[in-house]
Amino acid sequence: MSLTIPGFTSQRVETAPGVHLHAAVAGSGPAVVLLHGFPQTHVMWRHVAADLARDHTVICPDLRGYGASDKPAEADEHTYAKRTMAADVVALVRALGHERFALAGHDRGALVAVRAGLDHPEAVTHLLVLDVLPTLDMWDVLHGADAKVAWHLYLMAQPVGVPEPMIEAVADTFFASFLDGWVADPAAIDAEHRAEYLRASREAVPSIVADYRASAGIDVVHDREDRARGRVLAMPVTVVQQDWGAALGYDAAGLWSAWAPDLDHRTTRAGHFLAEEAPGEVVATLRELLAR
């Protein structure tokens, strides 16, 4: 049985024909939606969500292809496009009775959140991004030997049938390498939640790969189209990330400011899994953003 956030109720909502998202929901007041990253599920938000639910309706979905949400087969490049996944999120929140909402995303969830902000500015009031770059910029900053830090991006970008059996053969080792290698404070992800992330990821290899494959294809196309049209994020945006710009030689704040005119960019000393390693920092940052 999947873990969920204590005190939250489980909802299952059809967001596209034949596709249902699972979400944990609690609280009342203005809606805040929290989107998880890789290789995790909605429970990565458990500390942050509990605090926010004191005065907000908090909605924590499992993304399409992850956790307890549906995992449709990859019919074409659009099945796991961030545009499709963002439309899922907007449909979910509207079905739960909210036309406008604040949105926070970590890692893969942050890419979905950015796409939601670009495609649905009428719905997204505020946007918090944790530890990613926009898809187009992510590929542009990876060069030479330094690109080895993102080796999994290249593996999962390969054609259908190549990465899936390779990952499935060593699934726990593969997914654990990110949980263990990207965390600065190993105690932040306890044994129970680590095991949950491994189980959920092990059972979702094809859809996780499809999500990443889309980010090497159709997601780049969509970002290039937006850049050519001058589309930007119209809402207040806060980005919190590790200082990868200093490590890899790029200006992270400058890259983000091209997409987000109303930007607050911050670096953190926490590891990649901020919502578990530094939940107080994330809550305080999100509350500051909501006050803008």
Protein backbone atom coordinates (compact mmCIF):
# COMPACT_ATOMS: atom_id res chain seq x y z
CA MET A 1 0.00 0.00 0.00
CA SER A 2 1.31 3.45 -0.93
CA LEU A 3 2.31 5.91 1.75
CA THR A 4 0.51 9.22 1.95
CA ILE A 5 0.73 12.34 4.11
CA PRO A 6 -0.70 11.88 7.63
CA GLY A 7 -3.93 13.81 8.12
CA PHE A 8 -4.54 14.21 4.39
CA THR A 9 -7.36 12.53 2.49
CA SER A 10 -6.79 10.69 -0.77
CA GLN A 11 -8.58 11.85 -3.91
CA ARG A 12 -8.59 10.20 -7.32
CA VAL A 13 -9.65 12.44 -10.20
CA GLU A 14 -9.91 11.88 -13.95
CA THR A 15 -7.82 14.63 -15.55
CA ALA A 16 -7.83 13.40 -19.16
CA PRO A 17 -9.76 10.62 -20.90
CA GLY A 18 -8.82 7.43 -19.10
CA VAL A 19 -6.14 9.08 -16.95
CA HIS A 20 -6.64 9.58 -13.22
CA LEU A 21 -4.34 11.39 -10.80
CA HIS A 22 -4.06 10.51 -7.15
CA ALA A 23 -3.74 13.45 -4.77
CA ALA A 24 -3.49 14.01 -1.04
CA VAL A 25 -5.62 16.95 0.08
CA ALA A 26 -6.07 18.81 3.38
CA GLY A 27 -6.82 22.22 4.85
CA SER A 28 -9.01 25.10 3.73
CA GLY A 29 -8.45 28.50 2.23
CA PRO A 30 -6.51 29.56 -0.89
CA ALA A 31 -5.22 26.59 -2.84
CA VAL A 32 -1.54 25.65 -2.96
CA VAL A 33 -0.47 22.77 -5.19
CA LEU A 34 2.81 20.92 -4.53
CA LEU A 35 4.38 18.83 -7.31
CA HIS A 36 6.99 16.20 -6.45
CA GLY A 37 10.24 15.39 -8.21
CA PHE A 38 12.26 12.33 -9.24
CA PRO A 39 12.55 9.64 -7.99
CA GLN A 40 9.80 10.39 -5.48
CA THR A 41 6.05 10.71 -4.90
CA HIS A 42 3.80 13.32 -3.31
CA VAL A 43 4.90 12.28 0.20
CA MET A 44 8.17 14.18 -0.25
CA TRP A 45 6.07 17.26 0.68
CA ARG A 46 4.85 15.82 4.02
CA HIS A 47 6.58 18.39 6.26
CA VAL A 48 5.86 21.41 4.08
CA ALA A 49 2.26 20.37 3.37
CA ALA A 50 1.38 19.91 7.04
CA ASP A 51 2.45 23.47 7.83
CA LEU A 52 0.70 25.04 4.85
CA ALA A 53 -2.55 23.19 5.57
CA ARG A 54 -3.03 25.36 8.67
CA ASP A 55 -4.31 28.16 6.45
CA HIS A 56 -4.46 26.85 2.88
CA THR A 57 -6.08 24.09 0.90
CA VAL A 58 -3.03 21.97 0.08
CA ILE A 59 -3.14 19.60 -2.89
CA CYS A 60 -0.27 17.15 -3.40
CA PRO A 61 -0.68 15.02 -6.53
CA ASP A 62 1.34 12.13 -7.82
CA LEU A 63 2.25 13.24 -11.32
CA ARG A 64 1.04 11.27 -14.34
CA GLY A 65 3.30 8.23 -14.54
CA TYR A 66 4.36 8.30 -10.87
CA GLY A 67 3.19 6.95 -7.52
CA ALA A 68 -0.48 6.01 -7.31
CA SER A 69 -1.49 8.02 -10.40
CA ASP A 70 -2.19 6.35 -13.73
CA LYS A 71 0.69 5.47 -16.00
CA PRO A 72 -0.61 5.48 -19.58
CA ALA A 73 1.52 3.83 -22.22
CA GLU A 74 3.63 6.24 -24.24
CA ALA A 75 1.45 6.53 -27.34
CA ASP A 76 3.50 9.40 -28.78
CA GLU A 77 5.73 12.27 -27.69
CA HIS A 78 2.78 14.15 -26.20
CA THR A 79 1.78 11.48 -23.64
CA TYR A 80 4.36 12.72 -21.13
CA ALA A 81 5.00 16.20 -22.50
CA LYS A 82 5.14 18.72 -19.68
CA ARG A 83 2.28 20.48 -21.47
CA THR A 84 0.16 17.35 -21.03
CA MET A 85 1.24 16.85 -17.42
CA ALA A 86 0.54 20.51 -16.62
CA ALA A 87 -2.93 20.20 -18.12
CA ASP A 88 -3.48 17.23 -15.78
CA VAL A 89 -2.65 19.39 -12.78
CA VAL A 90 -4.93 22.26 -13.83
CA ALA A 91 -7.79 19.82 -14.49
CA LEU A 92 -7.25 18.16 -11.10
CA VAL A 93 -7.33 21.43 -9.18
CA ARG A 94 -10.39 22.67 -11.04
CA ALA A 95 -12.19 19.40 -10.33
CA LEU A 96 -11.45 20.00 -6.64
CA GLY A 97 -13.14 23.39 -6.87
CA HIS A 98 -10.31 25.88 -7.40
CA GLU A 99 -9.93 28.04 -10.50
CA ARG A 100 -6.77 29.80 -9.27
CA PHE A 101 -3.93 28.42 -7.19
CA ALA A 102 -0.33 28.87 -6.17
CA LEU A 103 2.03 26.22 -7.49
CA ALA A 104 5.30 24.82 -6.15
CA GLY A 105 7.36 22.19 -7.90
CA HIS A 106 10.54 20.28 -7.21
CA ASP A 107 12.75 18.74 -9.91
CA ARG A 108 10.45 17.11 -12.52
CA GLY A 109 7.46 18.64 -10.79
CA ALA A 110 9.07 22.05 -11.18
CA LEU A 111 9.27 21.56 -14.95
CA VAL A 112 5.56 20.70 -14.96
CA ALA A 113 4.89 23.75 -12.80
CA VAL A 114 6.78 26.07 -15.16
CA ARG A 115 4.84 24.71 -18.12
CA ALA A 116 1.58 25.23 -16.20
CA GLY A 117 2.59 28.82 -15.52
CA LEU A 118 3.35 29.44 -19.19
CA ASP A 119 0.28 27.67 -20.56
CA HIS A 120 -2.26 28.61 -17.86
CA PRO A 121 -1.35 32.06 -16.51
CA GLU A 122 -5.00 32.68 -15.68
CA ALA A 123 -4.85 29.82 -13.18
CA VAL A 124 -1.40 30.05 -11.56
CA THR A 125 -1.07 32.97 -9.15
CA HIS A 126 2.43 32.31 -7.77
CA LEU A 127 5.21 29.89 -8.73
CA LEU A 128 7.93 28.34 -6.57
CA VAL A 129 10.64 26.31 -8.34
CA LEU A 130 13.02 24.06 -6.43
CA ASP A 131 16.41 23.04 -7.85
CA VAL A 132 16.03 22.90 -11.61
CA LEU A 133 16.64 25.00 -14.70
CA PRO A 134 14.08 25.45 -17.46
CA THR A 135 14.32 22.51 -19.85
CA LEU A 136 15.81 24.45 -22.76
CA ASP A 137 18.48 26.04 -20.56
CA MET A 138 19.25 22.75 -18.82
CA TRP A 139 20.41 21.20 -22.07
CA ASP A 140 22.29 24.33 -23.11
CA VAL A 141 24.48 24.47 -20.00
CA LEU A 142 25.63 20.84 -20.19
CA HIS A 143 28.99 20.65 -21.93
CA GLY A 144 31.83 18.17 -22.20
CA ALA A 145 32.90 16.13 -19.20
CA ASP A 146 30.86 18.32 -16.84
CA ALA A 147 27.72 16.87 -18.44
CA LYS A 148 28.40 13.57 -16.68
CA VAL A 149 26.51 14.90 -13.65
CA ALA A 150 23.38 14.57 -15.81
CA TRP A 151 24.17 11.15 -17.27
CA HIS A 152 20.66 9.87 -16.56
CA LEU A 153 19.17 12.55 -18.82
CA TYR A 154 21.05 11.12 -21.78
CA LEU A 155 20.24 7.52 -20.90
CA MET A 156 16.50 8.13 -20.62
CA ALA A 157 16.46 10.22 -23.80
CA GLN A 158 17.19 7.11 -25.88
CA PRO A 159 14.52 5.42 -28.06
CA VAL A 160 11.79 3.25 -26.56
CA GLY A 161 13.09 -0.19 -25.68
CA VAL A 162 16.68 0.83 -24.95
CA PRO A 163 16.76 2.45 -21.48
CA GLU A 164 13.74 0.66 -20.01
CA PRO A 165 15.17 -2.90 -19.76
CA MET A 166 18.54 -1.56 -18.66
CA ILE A 167 16.98 0.33 -15.75
CA GLU A 168 14.52 -2.45 -14.86
CA ALA A 169 17.42 -4.89 -14.53
CA VAL A 170 18.95 -2.85 -11.70
CA ALA A 171 16.01 -0.65 -10.70
CA ASP A 172 16.72 -0.31 -6.99
CA THR A 173 20.40 0.41 -7.57
CA PHE A 174 19.54 2.95 -10.28
CA PHE A 175 16.96 4.90 -8.28
CA ALA A 176 18.86 4.63 -5.00
CA SER A 177 21.90 6.24 -6.63
CA PHE A 178 19.93 9.50 -6.90
CA LEU A 179 18.31 9.31 -3.47
CA ASP A 180 21.69 8.68 -1.86
CA GLY A 181 23.87 10.79 -4.12
CA TRP A 182 21.79 13.95 -4.24
CA VAL A 183 21.00 14.29 -0.53
CA ALA A 184 23.22 16.41 1.71
CA ASP A 185 21.60 15.10 4.90
CA PRO A 186 20.91 11.36 4.57
CA ALA A 187 18.80 11.39 7.74
CA ALA A 188 16.26 13.62 5.99
CA ILE A 189 14.91 10.64 4.03
CA ASP A 190 14.19 7.89 6.54
CA ALA A 191 14.20 4.19 5.71
CA GLU A 192 10.42 3.98 5.34
CA HIS A 193 10.19 6.80 2.81
CA ARG A 194 13.33 5.71 0.97
CA ALA A 195 11.79 2.26 0.54
CA GLU A 196 8.54 3.85 -0.68
CA TYR A 197 10.35 5.89 -3.31
CA LEU A 198 12.23 2.83 -4.53
CA ARG A 199 9.06 0.72 -4.71
CA ALA A 200 7.07 3.38 -6.52
CA SER A 201 9.88 4.05 -9.01
CA ARG A 202 10.55 0.36 -9.60
CA GLU A 203 6.90 -0.05 -10.59
CA ALA A 204 6.94 2.93 -12.97
CA VAL A 205 10.07 2.57 -15.09
CA PRO A 206 8.43 2.96 -18.54
CA SER A 207 6.47 6.07 -17.57
CA ILE A 208 9.39 7.68 -15.75
CA VAL A 209 11.59 7.12 -18.79
CA ALA A 210 8.84 8.55 -21.01
CA ASP A 211 8.73 11.68 -18.85
CA TYR A 212 12.48 12.17 -19.29
CA ARG A 213 12.37 11.27 -22.99
CA ALA A 214 9.83 14.05 -23.53
CA SER A 215 12.27 16.52 -21.98
CA ALA A 216 14.81 15.71 -24.70
CA GLY A 217 12.20 16.18 -27.42
CA ILE A 218 8.79 17.80 -27.36
CA ASP A 219 9.47 19.83 -24.20
CA VAL A 220 12.44 21.49 -25.90
CA VAL A 221 10.24 22.26 -28.91
CA HIS A 222 7.65 23.91 -26.68
CA ASP A 223 10.29 25.96 -24.84
CA ARG A 224 11.82 27.16 -28.11
CA GLU A 225 8.41 28.19 -29.39
CA ASP A 226 7.76 30.18 -26.22
CA ARG A 227 11.14 31.87 -26.39
CA ALA A 228 10.57 32.83 -30.01
CA ARG A 229 7.20 34.33 -29.10
CA GLY A 230 8.56 36.14 -26.07
CA ARG A 231 6.26 34.27 -23.66
CA VAL A 232 7.25 34.58 -20.02
CA LEU A 233 5.88 33.69 -16.61
CA ALA A 234 3.50 36.50 -15.72
CA MET A 235 3.16 35.67 -12.02
CA PRO A 236 5.61 36.25 -9.14
CA VAL A 237 8.27 33.53 -9.26
CA THR A 238 10.76 32.36 -6.65
CA VAL A 239 13.53 29.94 -7.57
CA VAL A 240 15.60 28.17 -4.91
CA GLN A 241 18.45 25.94 -6.05
CA GLN A 242 21.88 24.64 -5.24
CA ASP A 243 24.69 26.72 -6.66
CA TRP A 244 25.20 24.62 -9.77
CA GLY A 245 25.85 27.78 -11.75
CA ALA A 246 29.12 28.33 -9.90
CA ALA A 247 30.06 24.67 -10.35
CA LEU A 248 29.26 24.45 -14.06
CA GLY A 249 29.96 28.01 -15.14
CA TYR A 250 26.59 29.61 -15.88
CA ASP A 251 24.48 32.41 -14.46
CA ALA A 252 21.43 30.64 -13.03
CA ALA A 253 19.67 33.83 -11.98
CA GLY A 254 20.25 35.31 -15.43
CA LEU A 255 18.79 32.26 -17.15
CA TRP A 256 15.70 32.33 -14.94
CA SER A 257 15.18 36.07 -15.29
CA ALA A 258 14.68 35.63 -19.03
CA TRP A 259 11.62 33.51 -18.24
CA ALA A 260 10.40 35.26 -15.09
CA PRO A 261 10.44 39.09 -15.01
CA ASP A 262 9.14 39.13 -11.41
CA LEU A 263 11.88 36.87 -10.03
CA ASP A 264 13.35 36.19 -6.60
CA HIS A 265 16.32 33.84 -7.13
CA ARG A 266 18.04 32.20 -4.16
CA THR A 267 20.70 29.57 -3.57
CA THR A 268 20.56 27.07 -0.73
CA ARG A 269 23.04 25.08 1.30
CA ALA A 270 20.64 22.15 1.43
CA GLY A 271 20.95 19.23 -0.94
CA HIS A 272 18.65 18.50 -3.84
CA PHE A 273 15.75 17.24 -1.72
CA LEU A 274 14.95 20.59 -0.15
CA ALA A 275 11.43 19.83 1.03
CA GLU A 276 12.78 17.04 3.22
CA GLU A 277 16.21 18.44 4.07
CA ALA A 278 15.15 22.03 4.77
CA PRO A 279 11.35 22.12 5.11
CA GLY A 280 11.39 25.22 7.29
CA GLU A 281 13.34 27.10 4.61
CA VAL A 282 10.89 25.96 1.93
CA VAL A 283 7.82 26.91 3.99
CA ALA A 284 9.22 30.34 4.84
CA THR A 285 10.18 30.97 1.21
CA LEU A 286 6.79 29.88 -0.07
CA ARG A 287 4.94 32.04 2.46
CA GLU A 288 7.07 35.03 1.43
CA LEU A 289 6.20 34.35 -2.19
CA LEU A 290 2.49 34.13 -1.44
CA ALA A 291 2.66 37.56 0.18
CA ARG A 292 4.03 39.21 -2.99
